[in-house]
N, C-alpha and C. Protein backbone atom coordinates (compact mmCIF):
# COMPACT_ATOMS: atom_id res chain seq x y z
N MET A 1 -6.15 -14.39 23.70
CA MET A 1 -5.56 -15.28 22.89
C MET A 1 -5.20 -16.88 23.51
N SER A 2 -5.52 -17.60 22.58
CA SER A 2 -5.12 -19.07 22.88
C SER A 2 -4.03 -19.44 22.71
N ALA A 3 -3.49 -20.63 23.74
CA ALA A 3 -2.30 -21.18 23.15
C ALA A 3 -1.53 -21.98 22.08
N PRO A 4 -1.00 -21.99 21.51
CA PRO A 4 -1.01 -22.46 20.45
C PRO A 4 -1.11 -24.28 20.60
N ARG A 5 -1.31 -24.92 19.72
CA ARG A 5 -1.37 -26.52 19.43
C ARG A 5 -0.17 -26.76 19.66
N GLN A 6 0.03 -27.88 19.87
CA GLN A 6 1.35 -28.84 19.88
C GLN A 6 1.78 -28.83 18.53
N GLU A 7 1.00 -28.99 17.58
CA GLU A 7 1.34 -29.25 16.16
C GLU A 7 1.43 -27.74 15.33
N GLN A 8 1.28 -26.87 16.00
CA GLN A 8 1.09 -25.53 15.17
C GLN A 8 2.78 -24.99 14.60
N THR A 9 2.79 -24.63 13.76
CA THR A 9 3.98 -23.77 13.70
C THR A 9 4.20 -22.56 14.06
N ILE A 10 5.51 -22.16 14.56
CA ILE A 10 5.84 -20.75 15.26
C ILE A 10 6.45 -20.03 14.34
N LEU A 11 6.04 -19.18 13.92
CA LEU A 11 6.44 -17.87 12.78
C LEU A 11 7.34 -16.73 13.44
N THR A 12 7.84 -16.38 12.76
CA THR A 12 8.68 -14.93 13.50
C THR A 12 7.79 -13.86 12.41
N PRO A 13 7.73 -12.65 12.96
CA PRO A 13 7.38 -11.34 12.22
C PRO A 13 7.67 -11.48 10.96
N SER A 14 9.02 -11.59 10.54
CA SER A 14 9.43 -11.51 9.11
C SER A 14 8.87 -12.36 8.01
N GLN A 15 8.71 -13.89 8.71
CA GLN A 15 7.71 -14.83 7.83
C GLN A 15 6.59 -14.68 7.77
N VAL A 16 5.79 -13.68 8.98
CA VAL A 16 4.04 -13.55 8.71
C VAL A 16 4.11 -12.39 7.84
N GLY A 17 4.97 -10.98 7.70
CA GLY A 17 5.04 -10.65 6.66
C GLY A 17 5.09 -11.03 5.45
N GLN A 18 6.35 -11.92 5.26
CA GLN A 18 6.40 -12.62 4.01
C GLN A 18 4.91 -13.26 3.03
N TYR A 19 4.73 -14.00 4.16
CA TYR A 19 3.25 -14.67 3.61
C TYR A 19 2.15 -13.60 3.29
N ILE A 20 1.99 -12.89 4.27
CA ILE A 20 0.88 -11.80 3.87
C ILE A 20 1.06 -11.03 2.63
N LYS A 21 2.31 -10.73 2.22
CA LYS A 21 2.82 -10.07 1.05
C LYS A 21 2.42 -11.12 -0.39
N GLY A 22 3.20 -12.24 -0.18
CA GLY A 22 2.48 -13.42 -1.10
C GLY A 22 1.24 -13.32 -1.39
N PHE A 23 0.55 -13.41 -0.12
CA PHE A 23 -0.80 -13.83 -0.23
C PHE A 23 -1.40 -12.66 -1.37
N MET A 24 -1.24 -11.42 -0.82
CA MET A 24 -1.63 -10.11 -1.31
C MET A 24 -1.32 -10.17 -2.83
N ASP A 25 -0.44 -10.44 -2.79
CA ASP A 25 0.51 -10.25 -4.46
C ASP A 25 -0.14 -11.30 -5.58
N ARG A 26 -0.57 -12.62 -4.91
CA ARG A 26 -1.19 -13.65 -5.87
C ARG A 26 -2.81 -13.12 -6.08
N ASP A 27 -3.96 -12.10 -5.40
CA ASP A 27 -4.99 -11.96 -5.53
C ASP A 27 -4.89 -11.38 -6.58
N ARG A 28 -6.14 -11.79 -7.46
CA ARG A 28 -6.33 -10.97 -8.81
C ARG A 28 -7.07 -9.89 -8.62
N VAL A 29 -7.81 -9.55 -7.63
CA VAL A 29 -8.94 -8.12 -7.49
C VAL A 29 -7.43 -7.34 -6.87
N LEU A 30 -6.39 -7.56 -5.79
CA LEU A 30 -5.68 -6.63 -5.38
C LEU A 30 -4.44 -6.27 -6.31
N SER A 31 -4.51 -7.14 -7.60
CA SER A 31 -3.49 -7.16 -8.07
C SER A 31 -3.65 -5.72 -9.76
N GLY A 32 -4.52 -5.24 -9.24
CA GLY A 32 -4.87 -4.41 -10.59
C GLY A 32 -5.98 -3.65 -10.16
N LEU A 33 -6.25 -2.46 -9.45
CA LEU A 33 -7.30 -1.87 -9.21
C LEU A 33 -7.43 -0.53 -9.15
N LEU A 34 -8.57 0.42 -9.18
CA LEU A 34 -8.71 1.37 -9.42
C LEU A 34 -9.57 2.12 -7.80
N VAL A 35 -9.16 2.88 -7.52
CA VAL A 35 -9.66 3.36 -5.83
C VAL A 35 -9.49 4.93 -6.23
N ARG A 36 -10.72 5.31 -5.54
CA ARG A 36 -11.20 6.89 -5.75
C ARG A 36 -10.88 7.01 -4.19
N GLY A 37 -10.35 8.64 -4.13
CA GLY A 37 -10.09 9.34 -2.61
C GLY A 37 -9.56 10.66 -2.91
N GLU A 38 -9.49 10.84 -1.94
CA GLU A 38 -9.10 12.28 -1.53
C GLU A 38 -7.67 12.28 -0.74
N LEU A 39 -6.59 12.68 -1.32
CA LEU A 39 -5.22 12.97 -1.34
C LEU A 39 -4.69 13.58 -0.10
N SER A 40 -3.92 12.95 0.56
CA SER A 40 -3.83 14.12 1.85
C SER A 40 -1.98 13.24 2.41
N ASN A 41 -1.46 14.13 3.33
CA ASN A 41 -0.04 13.81 3.46
C ASN A 41 0.90 13.71 1.83
N TYR A 42 0.82 14.26 1.18
CA TYR A 42 1.48 13.80 -0.04
C TYR A 42 2.92 14.36 0.45
N LYS A 43 3.84 13.79 -0.37
CA LYS A 43 5.19 14.25 0.04
C LYS A 43 6.01 13.51 -1.34
N MET A 44 6.93 14.02 -1.65
CA MET A 44 7.94 14.06 -2.20
C MET A 44 9.55 13.79 -2.13
N TYR A 45 9.99 12.74 -2.03
CA TYR A 45 11.05 12.71 -1.88
C TYR A 45 12.31 12.49 -3.01
N PRO A 46 13.36 12.87 -2.39
CA PRO A 46 14.61 12.89 -3.00
C PRO A 46 14.82 11.55 -4.01
N SER A 47 14.54 10.57 -3.46
CA SER A 47 14.47 9.11 -4.57
C SER A 47 13.64 9.45 -5.17
N GLY A 48 12.92 10.06 -5.64
CA GLY A 48 11.86 10.67 -6.93
C GLY A 48 10.52 9.59 -6.56
N HIS A 49 10.47 8.92 -5.10
CA HIS A 49 9.12 8.13 -5.03
C HIS A 49 8.07 9.23 -4.47
N HIS A 50 6.97 9.20 -4.33
CA HIS A 50 5.86 10.03 -3.79
C HIS A 50 4.80 8.82 -2.64
N TYR A 51 4.95 9.56 -1.80
CA TYR A 51 4.32 9.04 -0.83
C TYR A 51 2.94 9.62 -0.05
N PHE A 52 1.97 9.31 -0.10
CA PHE A 52 0.46 9.65 0.10
C PHE A 52 -0.34 8.46 0.99
N THR A 53 -1.50 9.69 1.40
CA THR A 53 -2.78 8.83 1.89
C THR A 53 -3.59 9.02 1.03
N LEU A 54 -4.49 7.93 0.52
CA LEU A 54 -5.76 8.18 -0.16
C LEU A 54 -7.18 7.70 0.73
N LYS A 55 -7.89 8.68 1.15
CA LYS A 55 -8.76 8.44 2.43
C LYS A 55 -10.18 8.60 1.28
N ASP A 56 -11.50 8.29 2.39
CA ASP A 56 -12.41 8.70 2.39
C ASP A 56 -12.82 9.16 3.71
N GLY A 57 -14.37 9.01 3.86
CA GLY A 57 -15.24 9.49 4.72
C GLY A 57 -14.94 8.76 6.30
N GLN A 58 -14.45 7.18 6.09
CA GLN A 58 -14.14 6.11 6.90
C GLN A 58 -13.14 5.51 6.82
N SER A 59 -12.13 5.43 5.97
CA SER A 59 -10.95 4.86 5.77
C SER A 59 -9.77 5.09 5.13
N ALA A 60 -8.40 5.00 5.25
CA ALA A 60 -7.51 5.61 4.37
C ALA A 60 -6.56 4.32 4.27
N LEU A 61 -5.84 4.67 3.02
CA LEU A 61 -4.91 3.68 2.39
C LEU A 61 -3.71 4.58 2.02
N ARG A 62 -2.62 3.90 3.11
CA ARG A 62 -0.93 4.59 2.41
C ARG A 62 -0.62 3.99 1.44
N CYS A 63 -0.14 5.10 0.53
CA CYS A 63 0.29 4.64 -0.68
C CYS A 63 1.85 5.30 -1.19
N VAL A 64 2.47 4.32 -2.03
CA VAL A 64 3.58 4.98 -2.55
C VAL A 64 3.25 4.67 -4.24
N MET A 65 3.83 6.11 -4.79
CA MET A 65 4.50 5.91 -6.08
C MET A 65 5.83 6.36 -6.53
N PHE A 66 5.92 4.94 -7.16
CA PHE A 66 7.17 4.97 -7.36
C PHE A 66 8.01 5.70 -8.13
N LYS A 67 9.14 5.94 -8.46
CA LYS A 67 9.78 6.96 -9.09
C LYS A 67 9.60 6.71 -10.99
N SER A 68 9.39 5.65 -11.22
CA SER A 68 9.15 5.42 -12.34
C SER A 68 7.87 5.73 -12.74
N SER A 69 6.66 5.22 -11.90
CA SER A 69 5.26 6.22 -12.49
C SER A 69 5.23 7.63 -12.13
N ALA A 70 5.97 8.00 -11.01
CA ALA A 70 6.06 9.61 -10.96
C ALA A 70 6.40 10.14 -12.05
N MET A 71 7.38 9.60 -12.97
CA MET A 71 7.99 10.56 -13.70
C MET A 71 7.14 10.86 -15.23
N LYS A 72 5.85 10.04 -14.95
CA LYS A 72 4.93 10.25 -16.10
C LYS A 72 4.00 11.15 -15.84
N LEU A 73 3.72 11.57 -14.53
CA LEU A 73 2.60 12.45 -14.21
C LEU A 73 2.65 13.63 -15.36
N ARG A 74 1.54 14.26 -15.45
CA ARG A 74 1.39 15.34 -16.41
C ARG A 74 0.60 16.49 -15.38
N PHE A 75 0.91 16.28 -14.20
CA PHE A 75 0.18 17.50 -13.26
C PHE A 75 1.08 16.98 -11.50
N ARG A 76 1.00 18.24 -11.13
CA ARG A 76 1.24 18.12 -9.58
C ARG A 76 0.35 17.78 -8.32
N PRO A 77 0.36 16.71 -7.98
CA PRO A 77 -0.72 16.49 -6.94
C PRO A 77 -0.67 17.42 -6.30
N GLU A 78 -1.87 17.69 -5.29
CA GLU A 78 -1.81 18.48 -3.90
C GLU A 78 -2.61 17.54 -3.29
N ASN A 79 -2.57 17.99 -1.55
CA ASN A 79 -3.34 17.54 -0.63
C ASN A 79 -4.74 18.30 -0.93
N GLY A 80 -5.75 17.47 -0.71
CA GLY A 80 -6.90 17.58 -0.58
C GLY A 80 -7.52 17.61 -2.17
N MET A 81 -6.82 17.21 -2.99
CA MET A 81 -7.24 16.40 -4.32
C MET A 81 -8.16 15.79 -4.53
N GLN A 82 -9.05 15.12 -5.21
CA GLN A 82 -9.70 13.96 -5.35
C GLN A 82 -9.11 13.19 -6.44
N ALA A 83 -8.88 12.31 -6.29
CA ALA A 83 -8.25 11.15 -7.33
C ALA A 83 -8.54 9.85 -7.54
N VAL A 84 -8.69 9.19 -8.83
CA VAL A 84 -8.64 7.95 -9.09
C VAL A 84 -7.02 7.48 -9.27
N VAL A 85 -6.92 6.67 -8.23
CA VAL A 85 -5.40 5.69 -8.56
C VAL A 85 -5.77 4.55 -9.08
N PHE A 86 -5.13 3.84 -9.98
CA PHE A 86 -4.61 2.97 -10.48
C PHE A 86 -3.41 1.91 -9.55
N GLY A 87 -3.38 0.88 -9.18
CA GLY A 87 -2.44 0.18 -8.82
C GLY A 87 -2.64 -1.45 -8.17
N ARG A 88 -1.79 -1.78 -7.15
CA ARG A 88 -2.00 -2.92 -6.59
C ARG A 88 -1.83 -2.63 -4.98
N ILE A 89 -2.27 -3.44 -4.23
CA ILE A 89 -2.53 -3.52 -2.81
C ILE A 89 -1.39 -4.49 -2.22
N SER A 90 -0.12 -4.12 -2.15
CA SER A 90 0.48 -4.95 -1.39
C SER A 90 0.78 -4.75 0.32
N VAL A 91 2.00 -5.31 0.61
CA VAL A 91 2.56 -4.65 2.05
C VAL A 91 4.09 -4.79 2.05
N PHE A 92 4.41 -4.30 2.54
CA PHE A 92 6.19 -3.94 2.56
C PHE A 92 6.16 -4.29 4.18
N PRO A 93 6.89 -6.20 4.00
CA PRO A 93 6.91 -7.00 5.00
C PRO A 93 7.58 -6.44 6.14
N ARG A 94 8.34 -5.31 5.97
CA ARG A 94 9.34 -5.11 7.12
C ARG A 94 8.68 -3.99 7.81
N GLU A 95 8.03 -2.84 7.63
CA GLU A 95 6.91 -2.40 8.23
C GLU A 95 5.48 -3.12 8.63
N GLY A 96 5.15 -3.94 8.18
CA GLY A 96 3.88 -4.91 8.50
C GLY A 96 3.04 -4.21 7.57
């Protein structure tokens, strides 16, 4: 890693997280896409949110389905199930 140049701005982790979130939230491709994969680590929490990983043979995406969407489900998702999900890619700045 090279040393920062004199005029370069130094950011905090929070500022970097907010910048990345803003960048991702403005991206048209990432704001509404369909992704196919296998559900794993599927958990429903008392808050009503559902957390899971959507994976294929080479990669995995950590996902959350918020309560408002989860209430509309007409089936019960299970680990190992193949699924096509609609959503947006974003980042939770606190977790990176």
